[in-house]
Amino acid sequence: MKPLNYAILKYFTRVEEGTVEEVMNDLKKEYSTHRAFNKNSISHALMTAEANGLIEEKSFELDKNGELLIFYRANEESKKTINSFIKD
């Protein structure tokens, strides 16, 4: 099993865009028992990946509860970079 942060980055090579909740839903089966598998830690990992230029904010909106949803994506160059460093 890959480290959680690697799995998060690889997620964005397979999808057009995603939120923290969508990442968690996708990775839940393998990582739900991981101590960093929580909304705060994954949100932090996404912000770090963004700060490092691996993903970018695509859009944002408020959900039905008034919470901010940030949609992230990896552009084609970022997908190539992620895939070159993290093999399947």
PDB file of N, CA and C in Angstrom:
ATOM      1  N   MET A   1       0.838  -1.176   0.000  1.00  0.00           N
ATOM      2  CA  MET A   1       0.000   0.000   0.000  1.00  0.00           C
ATOM      3  C   MET A   1       0.891   1.252   0.000  1.00  0.00           C
ATOM      4  N   LYS A   2       0.544   2.202  -0.838  1.00  0.00           N
ATOM      5  CA  LYS A   2       1.272   3.466  -0.937  1.00  0.00           C
ATOM      6  C   LYS A   2       1.028   4.318   0.310  1.00  0.00           C
ATOM      7  N   PRO A   3       1.951   5.227   0.610  1.00  0.00           N
ATOM      8  CA  PRO A   3       1.669   6.204   1.657  1.00  0.00           C
ATOM      9  C   PRO A   3       0.414   7.009   1.284  1.00  0.00           C
ATOM     10  N   LEU A   4      -0.328   7.452   2.268  1.00  0.00           N
ATOM     11  CA  LEU A   4      -1.583   8.159   2.030  1.00  0.00           C
ATOM     12  C   LEU A   4      -1.398   9.375   1.121  1.00  0.00           C
ATOM     13  N   ASN A   5      -0.369  10.166   1.353  1.00  0.00           N
ATOM     14  CA  ASN A   5      -0.163  11.350   0.509  1.00  0.00           C
ATOM     15  C   ASN A   5       0.074  10.969  -0.949  1.00  0.00           C
ATOM     16  N   TYR A   6       0.748   9.869  -1.198  1.00  0.00           N
ATOM     17  CA  TYR A   6       0.943   9.401  -2.570  1.00  0.00           C
ATOM     18  C   TYR A   6      -0.392   8.996  -3.184  1.00  0.00           C
ATOM     19  N   ALA A   7      -1.204   8.286  -2.414  1.00  0.00           N
ATOM     20  CA  ALA A   7      -2.510   7.857  -2.912  1.00  0.00           C
ATOM     21  C   ALA A   7      -3.392   9.065  -3.236  1.00  0.00           C
ATOM     22  N   ILE A   8      -3.295  10.101  -2.423  1.00  0.00           N
ATOM     23  CA  ILE A   8      -4.066  11.324  -2.681  1.00  0.00           C
ATOM     24  C   ILE A   8      -3.633  11.937  -4.014  1.00  0.00           C
ATOM     25  N   LEU A   9      -2.345  12.056  -4.225  1.00  0.00           N
ATOM     26  CA  LEU A   9      -1.858  12.620  -5.492  1.00  0.00           C
ATOM     27  C   LEU A   9      -2.260  11.756  -6.680  1.00  0.00           C
ATOM     28  N   LYS A  10      -2.129  10.445  -6.551  1.00  0.00           N
ATOM     29  CA  LYS A  10      -2.500   9.543  -7.656  1.00  0.00           C
ATOM     30  C   LYS A  10      -3.989   9.652  -7.981  1.00  0.00           C
ATOM     31  N   TYR A  11      -4.811   9.932  -6.981  1.00  0.00           N
ATOM     32  CA  TYR A  11      -6.243  10.127  -7.205  1.00  0.00           C
ATOM     33  C   TYR A  11      -6.471  11.182  -8.289  1.00  0.00           C
ATOM     34  N   PHE A  12      -5.709  12.257  -8.225  1.00  0.00           N
ATOM     35  CA  PHE A  12      -5.906  13.355  -9.172  1.00  0.00           C
ATOM     36  C   PHE A  12      -5.375  13.054 -10.567  1.00  0.00           C
ATOM     37  N   THR A  13      -4.681  11.952 -10.734  1.00  0.00           N
ATOM     38  CA  THR A  13      -4.276  11.540 -12.084  1.00  0.00           C
ATOM     39  C   THR A  13      -5.375  10.722 -12.755  1.00  0.00           C
ATOM     40  N   ARG A  14      -6.389  10.313 -11.983  1.00  0.00           N
ATOM     41  CA  ARG A  14      -7.467   9.466 -12.509  1.00  0.00           C
ATOM     42  C   ARG A  14      -8.794  10.193 -12.688  1.00  0.00           C
ATOM     43  N   VAL A  15      -8.907  11.402 -12.129  1.00  0.00           N
ATOM     44  CA  VAL A  15     -10.184  12.120 -12.162  1.00  0.00           C
ATOM     45  C   VAL A  15      -9.994  13.505 -12.776  1.00  0.00           C
ATOM     46  N   GLU A  16     -11.095  14.095 -13.205  1.00  0.00           N
ATOM     47  CA  GLU A  16     -11.062  15.451 -13.740  1.00  0.00           C
ATOM     48  C   GLU A  16     -10.873  16.483 -12.624  1.00  0.00           C
ATOM     49  N   GLU A  17     -11.556  16.269 -11.503  1.00  0.00           N
ATOM     50  CA  GLU A  17     -11.468  17.161 -10.350  1.00  0.00           C
ATOM     51  C   GLU A  17     -11.949  16.411  -9.119  1.00  0.00           C
ATOM     52  N   GLY A  18     -11.669  16.979  -7.948  1.00  0.00           N
ATOM     53  CA  GLY A  18     -12.139  16.333  -6.729  1.00  0.00           C
ATOM     54  C   GLY A  18     -12.058  17.251  -5.528  1.00  0.00           C
ATOM     55  N   THR A  19     -12.896  16.963  -4.550  1.00  0.00           N
ATOM     56  CA  THR A  19     -12.912  17.679  -3.272  1.00  0.00           C
ATOM     57  C   THR A  19     -12.327  16.769  -2.195  1.00  0.00           C
ATOM     58  N   VAL A  20     -12.140  17.306  -1.007  1.00  0.00           N
ATOM     59  CA  VAL A  20     -11.660  16.501   0.118  1.00  0.00           C
ATOM     60  C   VAL A  20     -12.580  15.304   0.327  1.00  0.00           C
ATOM     61  N   GLU A  21     -13.883  15.556   0.309  1.00  0.00           N
ATOM     62  CA  GLU A  21     -14.855  14.484   0.533  1.00  0.00           C
ATOM     63  C   GLU A  21     -14.769  13.402  -0.543  1.00  0.00           C
ATOM     64  N   GLU A  22     -14.588  13.806  -1.788  1.00  0.00           N
ATOM     65  CA  GLU A  22     -14.486  12.827  -2.878  1.00  0.00           C
ATOM     66  C   GLU A  22     -13.209  12.005  -2.767  1.00  0.00           C
ATOM     67  N   VAL A  23     -12.118  12.648  -2.380  1.00  0.00           N
ATOM     68  CA  VAL A  23     -10.865  11.921  -2.152  1.00  0.00           C
ATOM     69  C   VAL A  23     -11.076  10.883  -1.052  1.00  0.00           C
ATOM     70  N   MET A  24     -11.703  11.302   0.038  1.00  0.00           N
ATOM     71  CA  MET A  24     -11.931  10.394   1.158  1.00  0.00           C
ATOM     72  C   MET A  24     -12.827   9.222   0.755  1.00  0.00           C
ATOM     73  N   ASN A  25     -13.870   9.492   0.003  1.00  0.00           N
ATOM     74  CA  ASN A  25     -14.751   8.406  -0.456  1.00  0.00           C
ATOM     75  C   ASN A  25     -13.995   7.408  -1.318  1.00  0.00           C
ATOM     76  N   ASP A  26     -13.128   7.913  -2.187  1.00  0.00           N
ATOM     77  CA  ASP A  26     -12.380   7.032  -3.083  1.00  0.00           C
ATOM     78  C   ASP A  26     -11.354   6.183  -2.332  1.00  0.00           C
ATOM     79  N   LEU A  27     -10.727   6.753  -1.338  1.00  0.00           N
ATOM     80  CA  LEU A  27      -9.639   6.061  -0.627  1.00  0.00           C
ATOM     81  C   LEU A  27     -10.082   5.348   0.648  1.00  0.00           C
ATOM     82  N   LYS A  28     -11.351   5.476   0.991  1.00  0.00           N
ATOM     83  CA  LYS A  28     -11.866   4.939   2.262  1.00  0.00           C
ATOM     84  C   LYS A  28     -11.570   3.456   2.452  1.00  0.00           C
ATOM     85  N   LYS A  29     -11.761   2.664   1.433  1.00  0.00           N
ATOM     86  CA  LYS A  29     -11.600   1.213   1.567  1.00  0.00           C
ATOM     87  C   LYS A  29     -10.193   0.833   2.030  1.00  0.00           C
ATOM     88  N   GLU A  30      -9.188   1.477   1.464  1.00  0.00           N
ATOM     89  CA  GLU A  30      -7.807   1.126   1.796  1.00  0.00           C
ATOM     90  C   GLU A  30      -7.234   1.884   2.986  1.00  0.00           C
ATOM     91  N   TYR A  31      -7.686   3.114   3.207  1.00  0.00           N
ATOM     92  CA  TYR A  31      -7.005   3.984   4.162  1.00  0.00           C
ATOM     93  C   TYR A  31      -7.834   4.403   5.370  1.00  0.00           C
ATOM     94  N   SER A  32      -9.045   3.906   5.519  1.00  0.00           N
ATOM     95  CA  SER A  32      -9.922   4.384   6.596  1.00  0.00           C
ATOM     96  C   SER A  32      -9.345   4.160   7.996  1.00  0.00           C
ATOM     97  N   THR A  33      -8.453   3.194   8.155  1.00  0.00           N
ATOM     98  CA  THR A  33      -7.863   2.953   9.472  1.00  0.00           C
ATOM     99  C   THR A  33      -6.557   3.739   9.687  1.00  0.00           C
ATOM    100  N   HIS A  34      -6.108   4.418   8.677  1.00  0.00           N
ATOM    101  CA  HIS A  34      -4.887   5.234   8.765  1.00  0.00           C
ATOM    102  C   HIS A  34      -5.162   6.416   9.691  1.00  0.00           C
ATOM    103  N   ARG A  35      -4.257   6.717  10.599  1.00  0.00           N
ATOM    104  CA  ARG A  35      -4.518   7.774  11.583  1.00  0.00           C
ATOM    105  C   ARG A  35      -4.666   9.155  10.958  1.00  0.00           C
ATOM    106  N   ALA A  36      -4.109   9.392   9.777  1.00  0.00           N
ATOM    107  CA  ALA A  36      -4.235  10.691   9.119  1.00  0.00           C
ATOM    108  C   ALA A  36      -5.427  10.741   8.160  1.00  0.00           C
ATOM    109  N   PHE A  37      -6.248   9.697   8.183  1.00  0.00           N
ATOM    110  CA  PHE A  37      -7.407   9.662   7.293  1.00  0.00           C
ATOM    111  C   PHE A  37      -8.566  10.402   7.956  1.00  0.00           C
ATOM    112  N   ASN A  38      -8.498  11.715   7.872  1.00  0.00           N
ATOM    113  CA  ASN A  38      -9.563  12.578   8.380  1.00  0.00           C
ATOM    114  C   ASN A  38      -9.598  13.837   7.515  1.00  0.00           C
ATOM    115  N   LYS A  39     -10.688  14.531   7.588  1.00  0.00           N
ATOM    116  CA  LYS A  39     -10.912  15.682   6.702  1.00  0.00           C
ATOM    117  C   LYS A  39      -9.829  16.746   6.867  1.00  0.00           C
ATOM    118  N   ASN A  40      -9.438  17.027   8.077  1.00  0.00           N
ATOM    119  CA  ASN A  40      -8.436  18.058   8.326  1.00  0.00           C
ATOM    120  C   ASN A  40      -7.086  17.688   7.720  1.00  0.00           C
ATOM    121  N   SER A  41      -6.635  16.462   7.938  1.00  0.00           N
ATOM    122  CA  SER A  41      -5.328  16.032   7.421  1.00  0.00           C
ATOM    123  C   SER A  41      -5.320  15.975   5.892  1.00  0.00           C
ATOM    124  N   ILE A  42      -6.388  15.491   5.312  1.00  0.00           N
ATOM    125  CA  ILE A  42      -6.439  15.399   3.851  1.00  0.00           C
ATOM    126  C   ILE A  42      -6.550  16.791   3.246  1.00  0.00           C
ATOM    127  N   SER A  43      -7.297  17.673   3.872  1.00  0.00           N
ATOM    128  CA  SER A  43      -7.372  19.062   3.412  1.00  0.00           C
ATOM    129  C   SER A  43      -5.988  19.700   3.440  1.00  0.00           C
ATOM    130  N   HIS A  44      -5.261  19.456   4.503  1.00  0.00           N
ATOM    131  CA  HIS A  44      -3.894  19.980   4.621  1.00  0.00           C
ATOM    132  C   HIS A  44      -2.998  19.402   3.523  1.00  0.00           C
ATOM    133  N   ALA A  45      -3.124  18.113   3.246  1.00  0.00           N
ATOM    134  CA  ALA A  45      -2.330  17.482   2.187  1.00  0.00           C
ATOM    135  C   ALA A  45      -2.646  18.107   0.825  1.00  0.00           C
ATOM    136  N   LEU A  46      -3.916  18.407   0.583  1.00  0.00           N
ATOM    137  CA  LEU A  46      -4.297  19.031  -0.688  1.00  0.00           C
ATOM    138  C   LEU A  46      -3.736  20.441  -0.798  1.00  0.00           C
ATOM    139  N   MET A  47      -3.791  21.189   0.279  1.00  0.00           N
ATOM    140  CA  MET A  47      -3.237  22.550   0.256  1.00  0.00           C
ATOM    141  C   MET A  47      -1.724  22.515   0.054  1.00  0.00           C
ATOM    142  N   THR A  48      -1.052  21.538   0.644  1.00  0.00           N
ATOM    143  CA  THR A  48       0.385  21.389   0.462  1.00  0.00           C
ATOM    144  C   THR A  48       0.706  21.032  -0.982  1.00  0.00           C
ATOM    145  N   ALA A  49      -0.066  20.094  -1.556  1.00  0.00           N
ATOM    146  CA  ALA A  49       0.139  19.718  -2.955  1.00  0.00           C
ATOM    147  C   ALA A  49      -0.088  20.919  -3.876  1.00  0.00           C
ATOM    148  N   GLU A  50      -1.072  21.736  -3.532  1.00  0.00           N
ATOM    149  CA  GLU A  50      -1.320  22.941  -4.325  1.00  0.00           C
ATOM    150  C   GLU A  50      -0.150  23.919  -4.208  1.00  0.00           C
ATOM    151  N   ALA A  51       0.328  24.134  -2.994  1.00  0.00           N
ATOM    152  CA  ALA A  51       1.446  25.052  -2.773  1.00  0.00           C
ATOM    153  C   ALA A  51       2.700  24.594  -3.511  1.00  0.00           C
ATOM    154  N   ASN A  52       2.832  23.278  -3.692  1.00  0.00           N
ATOM    155  CA  ASN A  52       3.981  22.724  -4.407  1.00  0.00           C
ATOM    156  C   ASN A  52       3.750  22.601  -5.913  1.00  0.00           C
ATOM    157  N   GLY A  53       2.603  23.056  -6.388  1.00  0.00           N
ATOM    158  CA  GLY A  53       2.334  23.083  -7.818  1.00  0.00           C
ATOM    159  C   GLY A  53       1.908  21.761  -8.419  1.00  0.00           C
ATOM    160  N   LEU A  54       1.528  20.791  -7.598  1.00  0.00           N
ATOM    161  CA  LEU A  54       1.129  19.488  -8.133  1.00  0.00           C
ATOM    162  C   LEU A  54      -0.349  19.423  -8.481  1.00  0.00           C
ATOM    163  N   ILE A  55      -1.163  20.185  -7.780  1.00  0.00           N
ATOM    164  CA  ILE A  55      -2.586  20.313  -8.112  1.00  0.00           C
ATOM    165  C   ILE A  55      -2.925  21.791  -8.026  1.00  0.00           C
ATOM    166  N   GLU A  56      -4.115  22.140  -8.511  1.00  0.00           N
ATOM    167  CA  GLU A  56      -4.545  23.529  -8.457  1.00  0.00           C
ATOM    168  C   GLU A  56      -6.021  23.598  -8.122  1.00  0.00           C
ATOM    169  N   GLU A  57      -6.431  24.719  -7.550  1.00  0.00           N
ATOM    170  CA  GLU A  57      -7.850  24.936  -7.299  1.00  0.00           C
ATOM    171  C   GLU A  57      -8.530  25.168  -8.640  1.00  0.00           C
ATOM    172  N   LYS A  58      -9.631  24.462  -8.860  1.00  0.00           N
ATOM    173  CA  LYS A  58     -10.388  24.656 -10.091  1.00  0.00           C
ATOM    174  C   LYS A  58     -11.582  25.567  -9.836  1.00  0.00           C
ATOM    175  N   SER A  59     -12.318  25.288  -8.765  1.00  0.00           N
ATOM    176  CA  SER A  59     -13.482  26.090  -8.432  1.00  0.00           C
ATOM    177  C   SER A  59     -13.862  25.834  -6.983  1.00  0.00           C
ATOM    178  N   PHE A  60     -14.854  26.549  -6.524  1.00  0.00           N
ATOM    179  CA  PHE A  60     -15.353  26.330  -5.171  1.00  0.00           C
ATOM    180  C   PHE A  60     -16.828  26.700  -5.132  1.00  0.00           C
ATOM    181  N   GLU A  61     -17.513  26.137  -4.148  1.00  0.00           N
ATOM    182  CA  GLU A  61     -18.934  26.421  -3.940  1.00  0.00           C
ATOM    183  C   GLU A  61     -19.291  26.068  -2.505  1.00  0.00           C
ATOM    184  N   LEU A  62     -20.462  26.458  -2.097  1.00  0.00           N
ATOM    185  CA  LEU A  62     -20.964  26.094  -0.774  1.00  0.00           C
ATOM    186  C   LEU A  62     -21.856  24.868  -0.908  1.00  0.00           C
ATOM    187  N   ASP A  63     -21.710  23.912   0.015  1.00  0.00           N
ATOM    188  CA  ASP A  63     -22.585  22.744  -0.009  1.00  0.00           C
ATOM    189  C   ASP A  63     -23.916  23.088   0.653  1.00  0.00           C
ATOM    190  N   LYS A  64     -24.794  22.100   0.778  1.00  0.00           N
ATOM    191  CA  LYS A  64     -26.133  22.346   1.333  1.00  0.00           C
ATOM    192  C   LYS A  64     -26.103  22.786   2.791  1.00  0.00           C
ATOM    193  N   ASN A  65     -24.984  22.534   3.485  1.00  0.00           N
ATOM    194  CA  ASN A  65     -24.834  22.943   4.883  1.00  0.00           C
ATOM    195  C   ASN A  65     -24.081  24.266   5.021  1.00  0.00           C
ATOM    196  N   GLY A  66     -23.770  24.883   3.898  1.00  0.00           N
ATOM    197  CA  GLY A  66     -23.053  26.155   3.923  1.00  0.00           C
ATOM    198  C   GLY A  66     -21.554  26.021   4.109  1.00  0.00           C
ATOM    199  N   GLU A  67     -21.026  24.792   3.973  1.00  0.00           N
ATOM    200  CA  GLU A  67     -19.583  24.586   4.090  1.00  0.00           C
ATOM    201  C   GLU A  67     -18.929  24.747   2.726  1.00  0.00           C
ATOM    202  N   LEU A  68     -17.725  25.309   2.738  1.00  0.00           N
ATOM    203  CA  LEU A  68     -16.992  25.549   1.515  1.00  0.00           C
ATOM    204  C   LEU A  68     -16.452  24.238   0.936  1.00  0.00           C
ATOM    205  N   LEU A  69     -16.731  24.009  -0.335  1.00  0.00           N
ATOM    206  CA  LEU A  69     -16.163  22.879  -1.070  1.00  0.00           C
ATOM    207  C   LEU A  69     -15.159  23.443  -2.069  1.00  0.00           C
ATOM    208  N   ILE A  70     -13.931  22.996  -1.977  1.00  0.00           N
ATOM    209  CA  ILE A  70     -12.906  23.419  -2.928  1.00  0.00           C
ATOM    210  C   ILE A  70     -12.649  22.255  -3.873  1.00  0.00           C
ATOM    211  N   PHE A  71     -12.762  22.523  -5.154  1.00  0.00           N
ATOM    212  CA  PHE A  71     -12.508  21.516  -6.179  1.00  0.00           C
ATOM    213  C   PHE A  71     -11.080  21.702  -6.682  1.00  0.00           C
ATOM    214  N   TYR A  72     -10.312  20.630  -6.601  1.00  0.00           N
ATOM    215  CA  TYR A  72      -8.923  20.634  -7.063  1.00  0.00           C
ATOM    216  C   TYR A  72      -8.820  19.793  -8.328  1.00  0.00           C
ATOM    217  N   ARG A  73      -7.768  20.046  -9.103  1.00  0.00           N
ATOM    218  CA  ARG A  73      -7.493  19.239 -10.279  1.00  0.00           C
ATOM    219  C   ARG A  73      -5.987  19.234 -10.528  1.00  0.00           C
ATOM    220  N   ALA A  74      -5.548  18.248 -11.273  1.00  0.00           N
ATOM    221  CA  ALA A  74      -4.163  18.200 -11.737  1.00  0.00           C
ATOM    222  C   ALA A  74      -4.198  18.421 -13.245  1.00  0.00           C
ATOM    223  N   ASN A  75      -3.421  19.381 -13.733  1.00  0.00           N
ATOM    224  CA  ASN A  75      -3.355  19.572 -15.179  1.00  0.00           C
ATOM    225  C   ASN A  75      -2.492  18.460 -15.783  1.00  0.00           C
ATOM    226  N   GLU A  76      -2.421  18.421 -17.087  1.00  0.00           N
ATOM    227  CA  GLU A  76      -1.710  17.316 -17.751  1.00  0.00           C
ATOM    228  C   GLU A  76      -0.235  17.256 -17.363  1.00  0.00           C
ATOM    229  N   GLU A  77       0.414  18.398 -17.255  1.00  0.00           N
ATOM    230  CA  GLU A  77       1.821  18.412 -16.862  1.00  0.00           C
ATOM    231  C   GLU A  77       1.995  17.877 -15.442  1.00  0.00           C
ATOM    232  N   SER A  78       1.088  18.265 -14.559  1.00  0.00           N
ATOM    233  CA  SER A  78       1.149  17.773 -13.175  1.00  0.00           C
ATOM    234  C   SER A  78       0.901  16.274 -13.110  1.00  0.00           C
ATOM    235  N   LYS A  79      -0.035  15.789 -13.909  1.00  0.00           N
ATOM    236  CA  LYS A  79      -0.290  14.339 -13.945  1.00  0.00           C
ATOM    237  C   LYS A  79       0.956  13.585 -14.383  1.00  0.00           C
ATOM    238  N   LYS A  80       1.656  14.103 -15.382  1.00  0.00           N
ATOM    239  CA  LYS A  80       2.893  13.460 -15.838  1.00  0.00           C
ATOM    240  C   LYS A  80       3.939  13.462 -14.731  1.00  0.00           C
ATOM    241  N   THR A  81       4.056  14.576 -14.030  1.00  0.00           N
ATOM    242  CA  THR A  81       5.017  14.668 -12.940  1.00  0.00           C
ATOM    243  C   THR A  81       4.685  13.677 -11.828  1.00  0.00           C
ATOM    244  N   ILE A  82       3.427  13.654 -11.416  1.00  0.00           N
ATOM    245  CA  ILE A  82       3.009  12.729 -10.361  1.00  0.00           C
ATOM    246  C   ILE A  82       3.266  11.288 -10.786  1.00  0.00           C
ATOM    247  N   ASN A  83       2.875  10.943 -12.004  1.00  0.00           N
ATOM    248  CA  ASN A  83       3.045   9.567 -12.490  1.00  0.00           C
ATOM    249  C   ASN A  83       4.519   9.191 -12.664  1.00  0.00           C
ATOM    250  N   SER A  84       5.375  10.158 -12.920  1.00  0.00           N
ATOM    251  CA  SER A  84       6.796   9.826 -13.072  1.00  0.00           C
ATOM    252  C   SER A  84       7.449   9.513 -11.732  1.00  0.00           C
ATOM    253  N   PHE A  85       6.930  10.086 -10.659  1.00  0.00           N
ATOM    254  CA  PHE A  85       7.509   9.860  -9.336  1.00  0.00           C
ATOM    255  C   PHE A  85       6.786   8.776  -8.540  1.00  0.00           C
ATOM    256  N   ILE A  86       5.511   8.610  -8.801  1.00  0.00           N
ATOM    257  CA  ILE A  86       4.720   7.613  -8.050  1.00  0.00           C
ATOM    258  C   ILE A  86       4.187   6.588  -9.031  1.00  0.00           C
ATOM    259  N   LYS A  87       4.766   5.425  -9.035  1.00  0.00           N
ATOM    260  CA  LYS A  87       4.362   4.360  -9.957  1.00  0.00           C
ATOM    261  C   LYS A  87       3.177   3.600  -9.397  1.00  0.00           C
ATOM    262  N   ASP A  88       2.358   3.045 -10.289  1.00  0.00           N
ATOM    263  CA  ASP A  88       1.206   2.237  -9.860  1.00  0.00           C
ATOM    264  C   ASP A  88       1.648   0.917  -9.298  1.00  0.00           C
TER     265      ASP A  88
END
